[in-house]
Amino acid sequence: RESLDGPCYLARRYGCLPVYLDGFSLTPETFDLVPLDMLNTVVVLAPNESIAYPRGAVLMYSAGWIR
């Protein structure tokens, strides 16, 4: 889903969670350019589960980032 801040993942209980790739916020222009087969790990943080992401977030990490 698109929001004013960029793409977000609509989670039923938590609303629209912002999406990050390798620590960087995705923009609407770059979101469609990310091939899903490059992702190694996806983490969903609910609101207030992290100090760094108080609104919650969907964190996607590529294999290169994890190494």
Protein backbone atom coordinates (compact mmCIF):
# COMPACT_ATOMS: atom_id res chain seq x y z
CA ARG A 1 0.00 0.00 0.00
CA GLU A 2 1.16 3.54 -0.64
CA SER A 3 1.26 6.21 2.05
CA LEU A 4 2.51 9.78 2.06
CA ASP A 5 5.87 8.57 3.43
CA GLY A 6 6.28 5.79 0.86
CA PRO A 7 5.26 2.14 0.65
CA CYS A 8 3.91 0.45 3.73
CA TYR A 9 2.62 -2.97 4.69
CA LEU A 10 -0.96 -3.01 5.89
CA ALA A 11 -1.12 -5.18 9.01
CA ARG A 12 -4.57 -5.70 10.50
CA ARG A 13 -3.76 -4.93 14.12
CA TYR A 14 -1.00 -2.38 13.60
CA GLY A 15 -2.12 -0.24 10.67
CA CYS A 16 0.30 0.61 7.90
CA LEU A 17 3.91 -0.34 8.77
CA PRO A 18 6.73 1.39 6.84
CA VAL A 19 8.98 -0.85 4.72
CA TYR A 20 12.80 -0.79 4.87
CA LEU A 21 15.39 -2.59 2.75
CA ASP A 22 18.81 -3.12 4.33
CA GLY A 23 18.11 -0.33 6.80
CA PHE A 24 16.92 2.24 4.27
CA SER A 25 13.36 3.42 3.80
CA LEU A 26 11.95 2.48 0.43
CA THR A 27 10.49 5.16 -1.81
CA PRO A 28 7.54 4.59 -4.14
CA GLU A 29 9.95 4.75 -7.11
CA THR A 30 12.30 2.04 -5.79
CA PHE A 31 9.75 -0.31 -4.23
CA ASP A 32 8.79 -1.97 -7.52
CA LEU A 33 12.46 -2.38 -8.50
CA VAL A 34 13.27 -4.75 -5.61
CA PRO A 35 13.21 -8.37 -6.81
CA LEU A 36 11.75 -10.57 -4.08
CA ASP A 37 14.26 -13.36 -4.76
CA MET A 38 17.08 -11.11 -3.49
CA LEU A 39 15.57 -11.05 0.01
CA ASN A 40 17.11 -13.31 2.61
CA THR A 41 15.21 -12.26 5.75
CA VAL A 42 12.02 -10.36 6.48
CA VAL A 43 11.23 -9.15 10.02
CA VAL A 44 7.91 -7.60 11.07
CA LEU A 45 8.11 -5.34 14.13
CA ALA A 46 4.90 -4.34 15.85
CA PRO A 47 4.60 -0.82 17.24
CA ASN A 48 6.65 -0.31 20.41
CA GLU A 49 8.74 -3.48 19.88
CA SER A 50 11.81 -1.44 18.94
CA ILE A 51 13.25 1.90 20.02
CA ALA A 52 14.51 2.50 16.47
CA TYR A 53 11.07 1.86 14.92
CA PRO A 54 8.44 3.06 17.42
CA ARG A 55 5.64 2.94 14.80
CA GLY A 56 6.60 -0.59 13.85
CA ALA A 57 8.19 -1.65 10.55
CA VAL A 58 8.75 -4.34 7.97
CA LEU A 59 12.51 -4.87 7.72
CA MET A 60 13.79 -6.68 4.62
CA TYR A 61 17.42 -7.75 4.37
CA SER A 62 19.34 -8.97 1.33
CA ALA A 63 22.00 -11.68 1.49
CA GLY A 64 24.72 -9.04 0.98
CA TRP A 65 23.61 -7.10 4.03
CA ILE A 66 23.64 -10.13 6.34
CA ARG A 67 27.21 -11.16 5.44
